[in-house]
N, C-alpha and C. Protein backbone atom coordinates (compact mmCIF):
# COMPACT_ATOMS: atom_id res chain seq x y z
N MET A 1 -18.41 4.24 27.03
CA MET A 1 -17.21 4.90 25.98
C MET A 1 -15.97 4.64 26.69
N TYR A 2 -14.64 4.68 25.85
CA TYR A 2 -13.61 3.92 26.50
C TYR A 2 -12.58 5.21 26.05
N PHE A 3 -11.61 5.78 26.97
CA PHE A 3 -10.75 6.86 26.84
C PHE A 3 -9.76 6.29 27.38
N THR A 4 -8.53 7.49 26.94
CA THR A 4 -7.00 7.16 27.62
C THR A 4 -6.91 8.28 28.42
N ASN A 5 -5.85 8.07 29.06
CA ASN A 5 -5.41 9.38 30.05
C ASN A 5 -3.73 8.87 30.32
N ASN A 6 -2.62 9.82 29.64
CA ASN A 6 -1.64 8.90 29.56
C ASN A 6 -1.43 7.50 28.74
N ASP A 7 -0.85 6.88 29.91
CA ASP A 7 -0.81 5.55 28.94
C ASP A 7 -1.92 4.22 29.60
N LYS A 8 -2.94 5.06 30.14
CA LYS A 8 -3.79 3.98 30.46
C LYS A 8 -5.22 4.24 29.68
N ILE A 9 -5.93 2.88 29.85
CA ILE A 9 -7.24 2.89 28.95
C ILE A 9 -8.44 2.73 30.09
N TYR A 10 -9.45 3.84 30.01
CA TYR A 10 -10.49 3.84 30.90
C TYR A 10 -11.64 3.47 30.35
N LYS A 11 -13.04 3.13 30.98
CA LYS A 11 -14.05 2.67 30.40
C LYS A 11 -15.18 3.48 31.33
N LEU A 12 -16.18 4.45 30.53
CA LEU A 12 -17.06 5.26 31.48
C LEU A 12 -18.22 4.72 31.25
N SER A 13 -18.67 4.63 32.18
CA SER A 13 -20.42 3.97 32.28
C SER A 13 -21.21 4.69 33.29
N GLY A 14 -21.59 5.41 32.79
CA GLY A 14 -22.99 6.29 33.57
C GLY A 14 -21.81 7.54 34.42
N ARG A 15 -21.63 7.80 35.53
CA ARG A 15 -20.47 8.89 35.74
C ARG A 15 -19.28 8.26 36.40
N GLN A 16 -19.39 6.89 36.29
CA GLN A 16 -18.28 6.09 36.77
C GLN A 16 -17.66 5.97 35.86
N TYR A 17 -15.94 5.42 36.26
CA TYR A 17 -15.24 5.03 35.10
C TYR A 17 -13.95 3.92 35.90
N SER A 18 -13.34 3.17 34.92
CA SER A 18 -12.96 1.97 35.38
C SER A 18 -11.77 1.72 34.67
N GLU A 19 -10.47 1.55 35.01
CA GLU A 19 -9.40 0.90 34.14
C GLU A 19 -9.75 -0.55 33.51
N VAL A 20 -9.13 -0.37 32.00
CA VAL A 20 -9.47 -1.90 31.62
C VAL A 20 -8.26 -1.88 30.72
N THR A 21 -8.05 -3.13 30.57
CA THR A 21 -7.18 -3.77 29.73
C THR A 21 -6.86 -3.38 28.41
N LEU A 22 -6.05 -3.83 27.76
CA LEU A 22 -6.20 -3.73 26.32
C LEU A 22 -6.46 -4.66 25.38
N ALA A 23 -6.33 -6.02 26.02
CA ALA A 23 -6.92 -7.18 25.82
C ALA A 23 -8.64 -7.20 25.97
N GLU A 24 -9.09 -6.67 26.96
CA GLU A 24 -10.49 -6.27 26.86
C GLU A 24 -11.26 -5.49 26.02
N ILE A 25 -9.95 -4.21 25.29
CA ILE A 25 -10.70 -3.63 24.17
C ILE A 25 -10.79 -3.98 22.98
N ILE A 26 -9.88 -5.13 22.82
CA ILE A 26 -9.69 -5.94 21.38
C ILE A 26 -11.08 -6.68 21.26
N GLU A 27 -11.45 -7.09 22.46
CA GLU A 27 -12.35 -8.06 22.33
C GLU A 27 -13.94 -7.70 22.20
N VAL A 28 -14.24 -6.06 21.97
CA VAL A 28 -15.07 -5.46 22.35
C VAL A 28 -15.58 -5.51 20.89
N ASN A 29 -17.10 -5.50 20.34
CA ASN A 29 -17.54 -5.50 19.09
C ASN A 29 -17.87 -4.59 19.06
N PRO A 30 -17.04 -3.39 17.67
CA PRO A 30 -17.46 -2.46 17.38
C PRO A 30 -18.88 -1.96 17.04
N ASP A 31 -19.57 -2.53 16.62
CA ASP A 31 -20.86 -2.38 16.19
C ASP A 31 -22.23 -2.39 17.62
N SER A 32 -21.51 -2.48 19.12
CA SER A 32 -22.15 -2.36 20.05
C SER A 32 -22.33 -1.23 20.86
N ASN A 33 -22.48 -0.06 20.29
CA ASN A 33 -22.45 1.44 20.88
C ASN A 33 -21.71 1.86 21.65
N THR A 34 -20.55 1.30 21.33
CA THR A 34 -19.30 1.93 22.11
C THR A 34 -18.85 3.05 21.11
N THR A 35 -17.69 3.64 21.39
CA THR A 35 -16.54 4.60 20.75
C THR A 35 -15.48 4.10 19.96
N ILE A 36 -15.85 2.98 20.06
CA ILE A 36 -14.33 2.07 19.17
C ILE A 36 -14.68 1.61 18.03
N SER A 37 -13.79 1.86 17.00
CA SER A 37 -13.87 1.64 15.92
C SER A 37 -12.56 0.84 15.34
N LYS A 38 -12.64 0.26 14.41
CA LYS A 38 -11.57 -0.46 14.24
C LYS A 38 -10.78 -0.15 12.91
N TYR A 39 -10.10 -0.21 12.53
CA TYR A 39 -9.07 0.31 11.42
C TYR A 39 -8.04 -0.50 11.11
N THR A 40 -8.12 -0.80 9.63
CA THR A 40 -7.03 -1.88 9.35
C THR A 40 -6.31 -0.84 7.85
N GLN A 41 -5.25 -1.65 7.41
CA GLN A 41 -4.48 -0.70 6.72
C GLN A 41 -4.07 -1.82 5.91
N ASP A 42 -3.51 -1.96 4.47
CA ASP A 42 -3.07 -2.87 3.42
C ASP A 42 -1.74 -1.79 2.80
N ASN A 43 -0.60 -2.71 3.07
CA ASN A 43 0.34 -2.07 2.43
C ASN A 43 0.67 -2.80 1.21
N VAL A 44 1.16 -1.78 0.08
CA VAL A 44 1.34 -2.20 -0.76
C VAL A 44 2.73 -1.84 -1.57
N SER A 45 4.17 -2.30 -1.72
CA SER A 45 4.85 -2.22 -1.97
C SER A 45 5.12 -2.51 -3.46
N ILE A 46 5.86 -0.88 -4.25
CA ILE A 46 6.21 -1.71 -5.70
C ILE A 46 7.51 -1.35 -6.06
N CYS A 47 8.31 -1.55 -4.81
CA CYS A 47 9.76 -1.05 -4.98
C CYS A 47 10.48 -2.35 -6.23
N ASN A 48 10.01 -3.37 -5.94
CA ASN A 48 10.83 -4.28 -6.80
C ASN A 48 9.90 -4.14 -7.94
N LEU A 49 9.26 -4.04 -8.54
CA LEU A 49 8.53 -3.60 -9.99
C LEU A 49 8.66 -2.29 -10.52
N ARG A 50 9.41 -1.29 -9.41
CA ARG A 50 10.25 0.01 -10.12
C ARG A 50 11.73 -0.45 -10.48
N LYS A 51 12.45 -1.20 -9.83
CA LYS A 51 13.29 -1.46 -10.07
C LYS A 51 13.94 -2.75 -11.46
N CYS A 52 12.95 -3.31 -11.27
CA CYS A 52 12.67 -4.03 -12.53
C CYS A 52 12.63 -3.16 -14.24
N TYR A 53 11.38 -2.14 -13.71
CA TYR A 53 11.16 -1.31 -14.89
C TYR A 53 12.54 -0.43 -14.68
N MET A 54 12.93 -0.17 -13.93
CA MET A 54 14.28 0.95 -14.26
C MET A 54 15.55 -0.08 -14.85
N ASP A 55 15.75 -1.41 -14.57
CA ASP A 55 16.62 -2.18 -14.92
C ASP A 55 16.11 -2.41 -16.78
N LEU A 56 14.86 -2.41 -16.76
CA LEU A 56 14.81 -2.44 -18.60
C LEU A 56 14.94 -1.30 -19.06
N VAL A 57 14.71 -0.33 -18.79
CA VAL A 57 15.03 1.20 -19.32
C VAL A 57 15.89 1.38 -19.26
N ASN A 58 17.09 0.87 -18.43
CA ASN A 58 18.69 0.97 -18.48
C ASN A 58 18.76 0.31 -19.90
N LYS A 59 18.66 -1.26 -20.15
CA LYS A 59 18.99 -2.43 -20.98
C LYS A 59 19.06 -1.60 -22.23
N ILE A 60 17.56 -0.68 -22.45
CA ILE A 60 17.03 -0.32 -23.72
C ILE A 60 17.78 1.01 -24.48
N LEU A 61 18.25 1.59 -22.98
CA LEU A 61 19.09 2.91 -23.41
C LEU A 61 20.20 2.50 -23.77
N ASN A 62 20.67 1.54 -22.75
CA ASN A 62 22.22 1.10 -23.04
C ASN A 62 22.75 0.45 -24.51
N SER A 63 21.58 -0.06 -25.25
CA SER A 63 21.38 -1.08 -26.29
C SER A 63 21.61 0.05 -27.37
N ASN A 64 21.96 1.13 -27.38
CA ASN A 64 21.65 2.18 -28.34
C ASN A 64 20.42 2.27 -29.26
N PHE A 65 19.34 2.30 -28.19
CA PHE A 65 18.17 2.26 -29.07
C PHE A 65 17.75 3.56 -29.29
N ILE A 66 18.20 4.73 -28.59
CA ILE A 66 17.81 6.02 -28.99
C ILE A 66 18.45 6.23 -31.06
N GLY A 67 19.40 5.73 -30.78
CA GLY A 67 19.88 5.95 -32.45
C GLY A 67 19.10 4.84 -33.26
N ARG A 68 18.39 3.97 -32.89
CA ARG A 68 17.98 3.14 -33.99
C ARG A 68 16.41 3.36 -33.65
N CYS A 69 16.24 3.92 -32.94
CA CYS A 69 14.50 3.94 -33.01
C CYS A 69 13.79 3.97 -34.09
N PHE A 70 14.11 3.88 -35.21
CA PHE A 70 13.20 3.76 -36.41
C PHE A 70 13.80 2.78 -36.99
N SER A 71 14.62 1.85 -36.70
CA SER A 71 15.07 0.73 -37.28
C SER A 71 14.09 -0.63 -37.61
N ASN A 72 14.35 -1.63 -37.75
CA ASN A 72 14.06 -2.81 -37.32
C ASN A 72 14.80 -3.49 -36.30
N ASN A 73 15.98 -3.07 -36.06
CA ASN A 73 16.54 -4.01 -35.03
C ASN A 73 16.42 -3.91 -33.62
N ILE A 74 15.29 -2.96 -33.36
CA ILE A 74 14.58 -2.77 -32.09
C ILE A 74 14.54 -4.25 -31.28
N ASP A 75 15.19 -3.95 -30.12
CA ASP A 75 14.77 -5.30 -29.38
C ASP A 75 13.35 -5.38 -28.94
N LYS A 76 12.13 -6.14 -29.37
CA LYS A 76 10.97 -5.99 -28.93
C LYS A 76 10.39 -6.80 -28.04
N ASN A 77 11.20 -7.55 -27.14
CA ASN A 77 11.18 -8.47 -26.22
C ASN A 77 11.14 -7.32 -25.11
N LEU A 78 12.28 -6.87 -24.84
CA LEU A 78 12.88 -5.79 -23.83
C LEU A 78 11.63 -4.49 -23.86
N ILE A 79 11.19 -3.96 -24.89
CA ILE A 79 10.11 -3.08 -25.25
C ILE A 79 8.75 -3.70 -24.38
N PHE A 80 8.60 -5.01 -25.17
CA PHE A 80 7.19 -5.87 -24.44
C PHE A 80 7.25 -5.53 -23.00
N LYS A 81 8.04 -6.15 -22.50
CA LYS A 81 8.57 -6.12 -20.54
C LYS A 81 8.38 -4.85 -20.22
N ARG A 82 8.67 -3.69 -20.56
CA ARG A 82 9.01 -2.76 -20.11
C ARG A 82 7.82 -2.13 -19.96
N ASP A 83 6.83 -2.60 -21.07
CA ASP A 83 5.66 -1.78 -21.02
C ASP A 83 4.78 -2.51 -20.37
N ILE A 84 4.55 -4.16 -20.04
CA ILE A 84 4.24 -4.53 -19.11
C ILE A 84 4.23 -4.34 -17.66
N LEU A 85 5.41 -4.09 -17.49
CA LEU A 85 5.85 -3.06 -16.44
C LEU A 85 5.36 -2.50 -15.58
N TRP A 86 5.44 -1.26 -16.81
CA TRP A 86 4.61 -0.29 -16.49
C TRP A 86 2.79 0.16 -16.73
N MET A 87 2.43 -0.95 -17.17
CA MET A 87 1.26 -1.20 -17.27
C MET A 87 0.86 -1.60 -16.06
N ALA A 88 1.76 -2.43 -15.10
CA ALA A 88 1.52 -3.24 -14.28
C ALA A 88 1.53 -2.01 -12.70
N LEU A 89 2.49 -1.29 -13.03
CA LEU A 89 3.16 -0.54 -11.77
C LEU A 89 1.83 0.90 -12.12
N ASN A 90 1.46 1.09 -13.02
CA ASN A 90 0.13 2.03 -13.29
C ASN A 90 -1.36 1.49 -12.80
N SER A 91 -1.14 0.22 -13.14
CA SER A 91 -2.69 -0.45 -12.56
C SER A 91 -2.45 -0.67 -11.00
N ILE A 92 -1.34 -1.04 -10.35
CA ILE A 92 -1.10 -1.20 -8.97
C ILE A 92 -1.46 0.53 -8.23
N LYS A 93 -1.20 1.50 -8.84
CA LYS A 93 -1.13 2.66 -8.19
C LYS A 93 -2.45 3.10 -8.32
N TYR A 94 -3.19 3.03 -9.39
CA TYR A 94 -4.41 2.88 -9.61
C TYR A 94 -5.40 2.53 -8.27
N LEU A 95 -5.49 1.36 -8.61
CA LEU A 95 -6.36 0.52 -7.70
C LEU A 95 -5.98 0.84 -6.13
N VAL A 96 -4.84 1.05 -5.34
CA VAL A 96 -4.21 1.67 -4.56
C VAL A 96 -5.16 3.29 -4.12
N GLU A 97 -5.11 3.79 -5.11
CA GLU A 97 -5.99 5.14 -5.01
C GLU A 97 -7.01 5.41 -4.90
N PHE A 98 -7.72 4.62 -5.80
CA PHE A 98 -9.19 4.41 -5.88
C PHE A 98 -10.23 3.65 -5.72
N CYS A 99 -9.60 2.47 -5.38
CA CYS A 99 -10.23 1.28 -4.70
C CYS A 99 -10.15 0.98 -2.91
């Protein structure tokens, strides 16, 4: 069993313990009946996608979209890009949360 005390790492074997290095801990197989477990974390950043999405929303709002929402003059390309980004953002959030 491994444990820490302040900034030092120790290995307990039977009733004796000895100081070990971090390098030794890293080399330990977590399946070898120890108290060591390895943890990894993936980080996903969607900041750029959010900025692109908000830029498209602002372009749509600034193009008098609200006043023309029932006309045929809507910039369908902006709407399509906005919708694709919205789907991408929601898909990424879903995958991060549930997968």
